[in-house]
Amino acid sequence: MTRDVAYPDSLAEHYDGDYDILRHDGEDVAFYTDLALHAGGPVMEIGCGTGRVALPVARAGCTVLGVDPTPAMLSRLADKLARESADVRERITLQPGRFDAVPGEGSFALVFSAFRAFQHLNDRREQLAALTEMARWTRPGGLVAFDVFDYNAERAAAYADEHADYVLQVADQTRERRSRARYDEKNGLIHCRFRWLLNGAADGEATFTMKVSTRDELVALLPDAGLELEAVFGTFAADPWTASEQREIVIVARRPGGTDSGPSHPARPIAS
């Protein structure tokens, strides 16, 4: 059993605003949407948060089960879902659950976890339990996908001391997020702290940890979880992963069985 990896409520409160500012490209949203469309069936997102990926996937026409351990995240997603069209609302079901414990049973063409949520699992035991549960919900021949950042020591050093991620002036209000991320090499963990300021005064704080894993460590987990490697990408444009360029590690695996042996992503041929 894994720890409770729910986000602090303060992070849930600021999540959408932060990532509207900090993550404009949406490449991961396009990647998972394409993957869902080509999977050819219903999909599950574990760690769906406030729906940054789940909502576009549903808008594209996929049936989605969104699972998250943080009540505040699911509540915000439910509020956003209420403003969607009836067709989109009918395609999304929300359910509380953890990586290693999603209540019920089902069979999905794709089970995925976006935007590095998998890195909140802090050791191999937790990671394996999560992948085993993801495989349990995947139909034979279906796909499991997730992403983590590819650790870069030089880049990490630049974030070790507190710094401003953004300073935003809106009318007479100054909003700011400050963060630090300190690497614990012995345990392979990054200890993160976010602080939000409104006109210079504290407006929330959140701490959490993220696991650093290599490409080989993640791939080695798959057979024990009952999965086969399908592809490893280094970007959300489906560029092959290479050791010389430390960007993303995007894992796509397949549950053996079934008849679907086609490519896991329409943009590029399979690469590992």
C-alpha atoms as a PDB file:
ATOM      1  CA  MET A   1       0.000   0.000   0.000  1.00  0.00           C
ATOM      2  CA  THR A   2       1.307   3.459  -0.875  1.00  0.00           C
ATOM      3  CA  ARG A   3       1.246   6.542   1.271  1.00  0.00           C
ATOM      4  CA  ASP A   4      -1.526   9.055   0.844  1.00  0.00           C
ATOM      5  CA  VAL A   5      -0.121  11.208  -1.960  1.00  0.00           C
ATOM      6  CA  ALA A   6      -2.949  13.739  -1.983  1.00  0.00           C
ATOM      7  CA  TYR A   7      -1.965  17.326  -2.706  1.00  0.00           C
ATOM      8  CA  PRO A   8      -2.206  19.916   0.079  1.00  0.00           C
ATOM      9  CA  ASP A   9      -5.404  21.957  -0.183  1.00  0.00           C
ATOM     10  CA  SER A  10      -3.391  25.154  -0.755  1.00  0.00           C
ATOM     11  CA  LEU A  11      -1.827  23.648  -3.869  1.00  0.00           C
ATOM     12  CA  ALA A  12      -5.235  22.596  -5.149  1.00  0.00           C
ATOM     13  CA  GLU A  13      -6.501  26.141  -4.553  1.00  0.00           C
ATOM     14  CA  HIS A  14      -3.770  27.700  -6.705  1.00  0.00           C
ATOM     15  CA  TYR A  15      -3.273  24.883  -9.218  1.00  0.00           C
ATOM     16  CA  ASP A  16      -5.264  26.163 -12.180  1.00  0.00           C
ATOM     17  CA  GLY A  17      -4.037  29.729 -11.872  1.00  0.00           C
ATOM     18  CA  ASP A  18      -0.414  28.628 -11.638  1.00  0.00           C
ATOM     19  CA  TYR A  19      -0.480  26.415 -14.676  1.00  0.00           C
ATOM     20  CA  ASP A  20      -2.391  28.897 -16.799  1.00  0.00           C
ATOM     21  CA  ILE A  21       0.657  31.095 -16.235  1.00  0.00           C
ATOM     22  CA  LEU A  22       3.473  28.534 -16.240  1.00  0.00           C
ATOM     23  CA  ARG A  23       2.501  25.835 -18.735  1.00  0.00           C
ATOM     24  CA  HIS A  24       1.220  27.361 -21.958  1.00  0.00           C
ATOM     25  CA  ASP A  25       2.463  24.825 -24.501  1.00  0.00           C
ATOM     26  CA  GLY A  26      -0.070  22.075 -23.779  1.00  0.00           C
ATOM     27  CA  GLU A  27       2.136  19.490 -25.489  1.00  0.00           C
ATOM     28  CA  ASP A  28       1.355  16.853 -22.883  1.00  0.00           C
ATOM     29  CA  VAL A  29      -2.381  17.514 -23.284  1.00  0.00           C
ATOM     30  CA  ALA A  30      -2.116  16.921 -27.041  1.00  0.00           C
ATOM     31  CA  PHE A  31      -0.007  13.799 -26.500  1.00  0.00           C
ATOM     32  CA  TYR A  32      -2.439  12.121 -24.112  1.00  0.00           C
ATOM     33  CA  THR A  33      -5.450  13.206 -26.155  1.00  0.00           C
ATOM     34  CA  ASP A  34      -3.972  11.606 -29.283  1.00  0.00           C
ATOM     35  CA  LEU A  35      -3.056   8.498 -27.312  1.00  0.00           C
ATOM     36  CA  ALA A  36      -6.605   8.247 -25.953  1.00  0.00           C
ATOM     37  CA  LEU A  37      -8.193   8.675 -29.369  1.00  0.00           C
ATOM     38  CA  HIS A  38      -5.996   5.983 -30.907  1.00  0.00           C
ATOM     39  CA  ALA A  39      -6.521   3.601 -27.973  1.00  0.00           C
ATOM     40  CA  GLY A  40     -10.018   2.979 -29.266  1.00  0.00           C
ATOM     41  CA  GLY A  41     -11.975   2.769 -26.035  1.00  0.00           C
ATOM     42  CA  PRO A  42     -12.647   4.304 -22.625  1.00  0.00           C
ATOM     43  CA  VAL A  43      -9.701   5.766 -20.710  1.00  0.00           C
ATOM     44  CA  MET A  44      -8.774   6.329 -17.086  1.00  0.00           C
ATOM     45  CA  GLU A  45      -6.569   9.126 -15.776  1.00  0.00           C
ATOM     46  CA  ILE A  46      -5.085   8.534 -12.318  1.00  0.00           C
ATOM     47  CA  GLY A  47      -4.118  11.811 -10.672  1.00  0.00           C
ATOM     48  CA  CYS A  48      -6.543  13.765 -12.855  1.00  0.00           C
ATOM     49  CA  GLY A  49      -6.372  16.812 -10.584  1.00  0.00           C
ATOM     50  CA  THR A  50      -8.605  19.643 -11.761  1.00  0.00           C
ATOM     51  CA  GLY A  51      -8.978  18.188 -15.251  1.00  0.00           C
ATOM     52  CA  ARG A  52      -6.218  19.964 -17.180  1.00  0.00           C
ATOM     53  CA  VAL A  53      -5.842  16.817 -19.336  1.00  0.00           C
ATOM     54  CA  ALA A  54      -9.050  14.884 -18.619  1.00  0.00           C
ATOM     55  CA  LEU A  55     -11.341  17.651 -19.887  1.00  0.00           C
ATOM     56  CA  PRO A  56      -9.653  18.042 -23.307  1.00  0.00           C
ATOM     57  CA  VAL A  57      -9.630  14.245 -23.691  1.00  0.00           C
ATOM     58  CA  ALA A  58     -13.380  14.158 -23.032  1.00  0.00           C
ATOM     59  CA  ARG A  59     -13.991  17.108 -25.355  1.00  0.00           C
ATOM     60  CA  ALA A  60     -12.211  15.112 -28.070  1.00  0.00           C
ATOM     61  CA  GLY A  61     -14.880  12.426 -27.725  1.00  0.00           C
ATOM     62  CA  CYS A  62     -13.372   9.904 -25.283  1.00  0.00           C
ATOM     63  CA  THR A  63     -15.120   8.408 -22.277  1.00  0.00           C
ATOM     64  CA  VAL A  64     -12.993   9.221 -19.215  1.00  0.00           C
ATOM     65  CA  LEU A  65     -12.842   8.019 -15.626  1.00  0.00           C
ATOM     66  CA  GLY A  66     -10.945  10.642 -13.631  1.00  0.00           C
ATOM     67  CA  VAL A  67      -9.394   9.390 -10.382  1.00  0.00           C
ATOM     68  CA  ASP A  68      -7.651  11.527  -7.771  1.00  0.00           C
ATOM     69  CA  PRO A  69      -6.860  11.202  -4.045  1.00  0.00           C
ATOM     70  CA  THR A  70      -7.344  14.921  -3.302  1.00  0.00           C
ATOM     71  CA  PRO A  71     -10.957  15.920  -2.527  1.00  0.00           C
ATOM     72  CA  ALA A  72     -10.218  19.588  -3.221  1.00  0.00           C
ATOM     73  CA  MET A  73      -8.914  18.747  -6.697  1.00  0.00           C
ATOM     74  CA  LEU A  74     -11.956  16.631  -7.574  1.00  0.00           C
ATOM     75  CA  SER A  75     -14.258  19.344  -6.234  1.00  0.00           C
ATOM     76  CA  ARG A  76     -12.683  21.927  -8.525  1.00  0.00           C
ATOM     77  CA  LEU A  77     -12.927  19.556 -11.461  1.00  0.00           C
ATOM     78  CA  ALA A  78     -16.605  18.931 -10.695  1.00  0.00           C
ATOM     79  CA  ASP A  79     -17.215  22.701 -10.693  1.00  0.00           C
ATOM     80  CA  LYS A  80     -15.501  23.039 -14.078  1.00  0.00           C
ATOM     81  CA  LEU A  81     -17.344  20.035 -15.455  1.00  0.00           C
ATOM     82  CA  ALA A  82     -20.677  21.636 -14.563  1.00  0.00           C
ATOM     83  CA  ARG A  83     -19.864  24.406 -17.060  1.00  0.00           C
ATOM     84  CA  GLU A  84     -19.164  21.963 -19.913  1.00  0.00           C
ATOM     85  CA  SER A  85     -21.644  20.825 -22.540  1.00  0.00           C
ATOM     86  CA  ALA A  86     -23.995  17.970 -21.744  1.00  0.00           C
ATOM     87  CA  ASP A  87     -22.031  15.657 -24.072  1.00  0.00           C
ATOM     88  CA  VAL A  88     -18.762  16.299 -22.219  1.00  0.00           C
ATOM     89  CA  ARG A  89     -20.418  15.926 -18.811  1.00  0.00           C
ATOM     90  CA  GLU A  90     -21.811  12.551 -19.861  1.00  0.00           C
ATOM     91  CA  ARG A  91     -18.379  11.339 -20.936  1.00  0.00           C
ATOM     92  CA  ILE A  92     -16.589  12.025 -17.617  1.00  0.00           C
ATOM     93  CA  THR A  93     -17.007  10.156 -14.335  1.00  0.00           C
ATOM     94  CA  LEU A  94     -15.072  11.269 -11.251  1.00  0.00           C
ATOM     95  CA  GLN A  95     -13.963   8.963  -8.471  1.00  0.00           C
ATOM     96  CA  PRO A  96     -11.693   9.278  -5.430  1.00  0.00           C
ATOM     97  CA  GLY A  97      -8.831   6.808  -5.421  1.00  0.00           C
ATOM     98  CA  ARG A  98      -5.107   6.341  -5.029  1.00  0.00           C
ATOM     99  CA  PHE A  99      -2.551   5.019  -7.458  1.00  0.00           C
ATOM    100  CA  ASP A 100      -2.526   1.615  -5.770  1.00  0.00           C
ATOM    101  CA  ALA A 101      -6.211   1.491  -4.820  1.00  0.00           C
ATOM    102  CA  VAL A 102      -8.837   2.484  -7.339  1.00  0.00           C
ATOM    103  CA  PRO A 103     -12.156   1.118  -6.044  1.00  0.00           C
ATOM    104  CA  GLY A 104     -14.129  -1.224  -8.255  1.00  0.00           C
ATOM    105  CA  GLU A 105     -13.362  -3.049 -11.458  1.00  0.00           C
ATOM    106  CA  GLY A 106     -13.255  -2.098 -15.096  1.00  0.00           C
ATOM    107  CA  SER A 107     -11.552  -2.512 -18.439  1.00  0.00           C
ATOM    108  CA  PHE A 108      -9.960   0.463 -20.170  1.00  0.00           C
ATOM    109  CA  ALA A 109      -8.181   0.854 -23.483  1.00  0.00           C
ATOM    110  CA  LEU A 110      -5.778   3.334 -21.877  1.00  0.00           C
ATOM    111  CA  VAL A 111      -4.852   4.048 -18.261  1.00  0.00           C
ATOM    112  CA  PHE A 112      -2.544   7.045 -17.910  1.00  0.00           C
ATOM    113  CA  SER A 113      -1.112   9.501 -15.430  1.00  0.00           C
ATOM    114  CA  ALA A 114      -0.024  12.899 -16.735  1.00  0.00           C
ATOM    115  CA  PHE A 115       2.192  15.770 -15.629  1.00  0.00           C
ATOM    116  CA  ARG A 116       4.589  13.819 -13.416  1.00  0.00           C
ATOM    117  CA  ALA A 117       1.993  12.686 -10.897  1.00  0.00           C
ATOM    118  CA  PHE A 118       3.817   9.342 -10.914  1.00  0.00           C
ATOM    119  CA  GLN A 119       6.785  11.068  -9.236  1.00  0.00           C
ATOM    120  CA  HIS A 120       4.830  11.486  -6.019  1.00  0.00           C
ATOM    121  CA  LEU A 121       5.407   7.753  -5.488  1.00  0.00           C
ATOM    122  CA  ASN A 122       8.591   7.821  -3.465  1.00  0.00           C
ATOM    123  CA  ASP A 123      10.147   4.374  -3.847  1.00  0.00           C
ATOM    124  CA  ARG A 124      10.165   1.284  -6.045  1.00  0.00           C
ATOM    125  CA  ARG A 125       7.568  -0.501  -3.906  1.00  0.00           C
ATOM    126  CA  GLU A 126       5.074   2.325  -4.327  1.00  0.00           C
ATOM    127  CA  GLN A 127       5.818   2.627  -8.035  1.00  0.00           C
ATOM    128  CA  LEU A 128       5.337  -1.084  -8.619  1.00  0.00           C
ATOM    129  CA  ALA A 129       2.062  -1.116  -6.653  1.00  0.00           C
ATOM    130  CA  ALA A 130       0.820   1.771  -8.808  1.00  0.00           C
ATOM    131  CA  LEU A 131       1.743   0.150 -12.108  1.00  0.00           C
ATOM    132  CA  THR A 132       0.207  -3.153 -11.016  1.00  0.00           C
ATOM    133  CA  GLU A 133      -3.061  -1.365 -10.254  1.00  0.00           C
ATOM    134  CA  MET A 134      -2.931   0.529 -13.553  1.00  0.00           C
ATOM    135  CA  ALA A 135      -2.403  -2.788 -15.367  1.00  0.00           C
ATOM    136  CA  ARG A 136      -5.352  -4.321 -13.484  1.00  0.00           C
ATOM    137  CA  TRP A 137      -7.657  -1.709 -14.978  1.00  0.00           C
ATOM    138  CA  THR A 138      -6.243  -2.057 -18.500  1.00  0.00           C
ATOM    139  CA  ARG A 139      -7.880  -4.440 -20.937  1.00  0.00           C
ATOM    140  CA  PRO A 140      -5.682  -7.073 -22.644  1.00  0.00           C
ATOM    141  CA  GLY A 141      -3.860  -5.327 -25.451  1.00  0.00           C
ATOM    142  CA  GLY A 142      -4.525  -1.917 -23.857  1.00  0.00           C
ATOM    143  CA  LEU A 143      -2.016   0.772 -22.946  1.00  0.00           C
ATOM    144  CA  VAL A 144      -0.582   2.239 -19.753  1.00  0.00           C
ATOM    145  CA  ALA A 145       1.243   5.587 -20.018  1.00  0.00           C
ATOM    146  CA  PHE A 146       2.873   8.080 -17.667  1.00  0.00           C
ATOM    147  CA  ASP A 147       5.614  10.699 -17.656  1.00  0.00           C
ATOM    148  CA  VAL A 148       8.349  11.992 -15.341  1.00  0.00           C
ATOM    149  CA  PHE A 149      11.043  14.585 -15.846  1.00  0.00           C
ATOM    150  CA  ASP A 150      14.493  13.341 -16.824  1.00  0.00           C
ATOM    151  CA  TYR A 151      16.675  14.556 -13.956  1.00  0.00           C
ATOM    152  CA  ASN A 152      19.359  17.076 -14.890  1.00  0.00           C
ATOM    153  CA  ALA A 153      21.776  17.993 -12.084  1.00  0.00           C
ATOM    154  CA  GLU A 154      22.715  21.352 -13.560  1.00  0.00           C
ATOM    155  CA  ARG A 155      19.107  22.366 -14.034  1.00  0.00           C
ATOM    156  CA  ALA A 156      18.186  21.095 -10.564  1.00  0.00           C
ATOM    157  CA  ALA A 157      20.906  23.202  -8.926  1.00  0.00           C
ATOM    158  CA  ALA A 158      19.313  26.346 -10.317  1.00  0.00           C
ATOM    159  CA  TYR A 159      16.090  25.590  -8.414  1.00  0.00           C
ATOM    160  CA  ALA A 160      17.616  24.606  -5.052  1.00  0.00           C
ATOM    161  CA  ASP A 161      17.244  28.086  -3.544  1.00  0.00           C
ATOM    162  CA  GLU A 162      13.949  29.890  -3.304  1.00  0.00           C
ATOM    163  CA  HIS A 163      13.140  31.944  -6.382  1.00  0.00           C
ATOM    164  CA  ALA A 164      10.154  33.589  -8.026  1.00  0.00           C
ATOM    165  CA  ASP A 165       8.309  31.403 -10.527  1.00  0.00           C
ATOM    166  CA  TYR A 166       6.150  34.339 -11.543  1.00  0.00           C
ATOM    167  CA  VAL A 167       5.136  37.813 -10.422  1.00  0.00           C
ATOM    168  CA  LEU A 168       1.812  38.873 -11.896  1.00  0.00           C
ATOM    169  CA  GLN A 169       0.238  42.323 -11.618  1.00  0.00           C
ATOM    170  CA  VAL A 170      -3.552  42.322 -12.041  1.00  0.00           C
ATOM    171  CA  ALA A 171      -5.215  45.680 -11.396  1.00  0.00           C
ATOM    172  CA  ASP A 172      -4.114  46.651  -7.879  1.00  0.00           C
ATOM    173  CA  GLN A 173      -3.035  43.119  -6.876  1.00  0.00           C
ATOM    174  CA  THR A 174       0.415  41.597  -7.138  1.00  0.00           C
ATOM    175  CA  ARG A 175       0.368  37.804  -7.165  1.00  0.00           C
ATOM    176  CA  GLU A 176       3.568  35.823  -6.803  1.00  0.00           C
ATOM    177  CA  ARG A 177       4.644  32.223  -6.466  1.00  0.00           C
ATOM    178  CA  ARG A 178       7.989  31.356  -4.998  1.00  0.00           C
ATOM    179  CA  SER A 179       9.461  27.876  -4.860  1.00  0.00           C
ATOM    180  CA  ARG A 180      12.499  25.793  -4.079  1.00  0.00           C
ATOM    181  CA  ALA A 181      13.355  22.172  -4.899  1.00  0.00           C
ATOM    182  CA  ARG A 182      16.222  20.558  -2.973  1.00  0.00           C
ATOM    183  CA  TYR A 183      17.608  17.205  -4.050  1.00  0.00           C
ATOM    184  CA  ASP A 184      18.235  14.463  -1.493  1.00  0.00           C
ATOM    185  CA  GLU A 185      20.720  12.334  -3.434  1.00  0.00           C
ATOM    186  CA  LYS A 186      20.825   9.539  -0.854  1.00  0.00           C
ATOM    187  CA  ASN A 187      17.111   8.800  -1.184  1.00  0.00           C
ATOM    188  CA  GLY A 188      16.618  10.056  -4.733  1.00  0.00           C
ATOM    189  CA  LEU A 189      13.969  12.555  -3.635  1.00  0.00           C
ATOM    190  CA  ILE A 190      13.375  16.193  -4.418  1.00  0.00           C
ATOM    191  CA  HIS A 191      11.831  18.134  -1.531  1.00  0.00           C
ATOM    192  CA  CYS A 192       9.691  20.945  -2.935  1.00  0.00           C
ATOM    193  CA  ARG A 193       8.128  23.955  -1.297  1.00  0.00           C
ATOM    194  CA  PHE A 194       5.752  26.449  -2.889  1.00  0.00           C
ATOM    195  CA  ARG A 195       4.768  29.773  -1.320  1.00  0.00           C
ATOM    196  CA  TRP A 196       2.099  32.084  -2.700  1.00  0.00           C
ATOM    197  CA  LEU A 197       2.065  35.797  -1.943  1.00  0.00           C
ATOM    198  CA  LEU A 198      -0.672  38.365  -2.467  1.00  0.00           C
ATOM    199  CA  ASN A 199       0.545  41.967  -2.295  1.00  0.00           C
ATOM    200  CA  GLY A 200       3.597  40.658  -0.452  1.00  0.00           C
ATOM    201  CA  ALA A 201       1.624  38.818   2.250  1.00  0.00           C
ATOM    202  CA  ALA A 202       1.473  35.030   2.631  1.00  0.00           C
ATOM    203  CA  ASP A 203      -1.398  33.456   0.673  1.00  0.00           C
ATOM    204  CA  GLY A 204      -0.657  29.761   1.130  1.00  0.00           C
ATOM    205  CA  GLU A 205       2.181  27.259   1.313  1.00  0.00           C
ATOM    206  CA  ALA A 206       2.607  23.635   0.205  1.00  0.00           C
ATOM    207  CA  THR A 207       5.376  21.063   0.577  1.00  0.00           C
ATOM    208  CA  PHE A 208       5.702  17.707  -1.167  1.00  0.00           C
ATOM    209  CA  THR A 209       8.326  15.289  -2.466  1.00  0.00           C
ATOM    210  CA  MET A 210       9.065  13.955  -5.930  1.00  0.00           C
ATOM    211  CA  LYS A 211      10.996  10.814  -6.837  1.00  0.00           C
ATOM    212  CA  VAL A 212      13.907  10.916  -9.280  1.00  0.00           C
ATOM    213  CA  SER A 213      13.987   7.809 -11.489  1.00  0.00           C
ATOM    214  CA  THR A 214      16.041   6.873 -14.516  1.00  0.00           C
ATOM    215  CA  ARG A 215      14.661   5.552 -17.753  1.00  0.00           C
ATOM    216  CA  ASP A 216      16.123   2.106 -17.032  1.00  0.00           C
ATOM    217  CA  GLU A 217      14.657   1.984 -13.511  1.00  0.00           C
ATOM    218  CA  LEU A 218      11.179   2.736 -14.819  1.00  0.00           C
ATOM    219  CA  VAL A 219      11.385   0.266 -17.681  1.00  0.00           C
ATOM    220  CA  ALA A 220      12.590  -2.436 -15.265  1.00  0.00           C
ATOM    221  CA  LEU A 221       9.346  -2.086 -13.271  1.00  0.00           C
ATOM    222  CA  LEU A 222       7.105  -3.018 -16.170  1.00  0.00           C
ATOM    223  CA  PRO A 223       7.491  -6.827 -16.316  1.00  0.00           C
ATOM    224  CA  ASP A 224       6.828  -7.174 -12.580  1.00  0.00           C
ATOM    225  CA  ALA A 225       3.605  -5.185 -13.072  1.00  0.00           C
ATOM    226  CA  GLY A 226       2.517  -7.462 -15.924  1.00  0.00           C
ATOM    227  CA  LEU A 227       3.300  -4.924 -18.658  1.00  0.00           C
ATOM    228  CA  GLU A 228       5.444  -4.865 -21.783  1.00  0.00           C
ATOM    229  CA  LEU A 229       7.364  -1.819 -22.961  1.00  0.00           C
ATOM    230  CA  GLU A 230       5.831  -0.220 -26.025  1.00  0.00           C
ATOM    231  CA  ALA A 231       7.800   3.029 -26.318  1.00  0.00           C
ATOM    232  CA  VAL A 232       9.941   5.545 -24.448  1.00  0.00           C
ATOM    233  CA  PHE A 233       9.747   9.120 -25.674  1.00  0.00           C
ATOM    234  CA  GLY A 234      11.924  12.079 -24.718  1.00  0.00           C
ATOM    235  CA  THR A 235       9.336  14.722 -25.575  1.00  0.00           C
ATOM    236  CA  PHE A 236       5.581  14.984 -25.920  1.00  0.00           C
ATOM    237  CA  ALA A 237       6.118  15.362 -29.658  1.00  0.00           C
ATOM    238  CA  ALA A 238       7.018  11.640 -29.508  1.00  0.00           C
ATOM    239  CA  ASP A 239      10.731  12.153 -30.179  1.00  0.00           C
ATOM    240  CA  PRO A 240      12.683   9.040 -29.134  1.00  0.00           C
ATOM    241  CA  TRP A 241      14.297   9.220 -25.705  1.00  0.00           C
ATOM    242  CA  THR A 242      18.077   9.553 -25.738  1.00  0.00           C
ATOM    243  CA  ALA A 243      20.528   9.628 -22.831  1.00  0.00           C
ATOM    244  CA  SER A 244      22.237  12.730 -24.218  1.00  0.00           C
ATOM    245  CA  GLU A 245      19.150  14.971 -23.994  1.00  0.00           C
ATOM    246  CA  GLN A 246      17.586  15.152 -20.542  1.00  0.00           C
ATOM    247  CA  ARG A 247      14.041  16.389 -21.047  1.00  0.00           C
ATOM    248  CA  GLU A 248      11.097  14.094 -20.335  1.00  0.00           C
ATOM    249  CA  ILE A 249      10.753  10.352 -19.850  1.00  0.00           C
ATOM    250  CA  VAL A 250       7.406   9.351 -21.329  1.00  0.00           C
ATOM    251  CA  ILE A 251       6.667   5.652 -20.878  1.00  0.00           C
ATOM    252  CA  VAL A 252       4.052   3.809 -22.939  1.00  0.00           C
ATOM    253  CA  ALA A 253       3.504   0.144 -22.008  1.00  0.00           C
ATOM    254  CA  ARG A 254       1.056  -2.509 -23.110  1.00  0.00           C
ATOM    255  CA  ARG A 255      -0.812  -5.155 -21.185  1.00  0.00           C
ATOM    256  CA  PRO A 256      -0.185  -8.415 -23.070  1.00  0.00           C
ATOM    257  CA  GLY A 257      -3.065 -10.100 -24.838  1.00  0.00           C
ATOM    258  CA  GLY A 258      -5.774  -8.902 -27.130  1.00  0.00           C
ATOM    259  CA  THR A 259      -5.364  -8.260 -30.814  1.00  0.00           C
ATOM    260  CA  ASP A 260      -4.208  -4.645 -30.908  1.00  0.00           C
ATOM    261  CA  SER A 261      -0.567  -4.482 -31.938  1.00  0.00           C
ATOM    262  CA  GLY A 262      -0.611  -1.097 -33.680  1.00  0.00           C
ATOM    263  CA  PRO A 263       1.591   1.899 -32.828  1.00  0.00           C
ATOM    264  CA  SER A 264       1.034   3.507 -29.448  1.00  0.00           C
ATOM    265  CA  HIS A 265       1.153   7.056 -30.816  1.00  0.00           C
ATOM    266  CA  PRO A 266       0.148   8.300 -34.240  1.00  0.00           C
ATOM    267  CA  ALA A 267       2.903  10.900 -34.578  1.00  0.00           C
ATOM    268  CA  ARG A 268       5.935   8.638 -34.724  1.00  0.00           C
ATOM    269  CA  PRO A 269       6.825   4.968 -35.107  1.00  0.00           C
ATOM    270  CA  ILE A 270       7.557   3.020 -31.950  1.00  0.00           C
ATOM    271  CA  ALA A 271      10.912   3.939 -30.433  1.00  0.00           C
ATOM    272  CA  SER A 272      12.532   2.687 -27.255  1.00  0.00           C
END
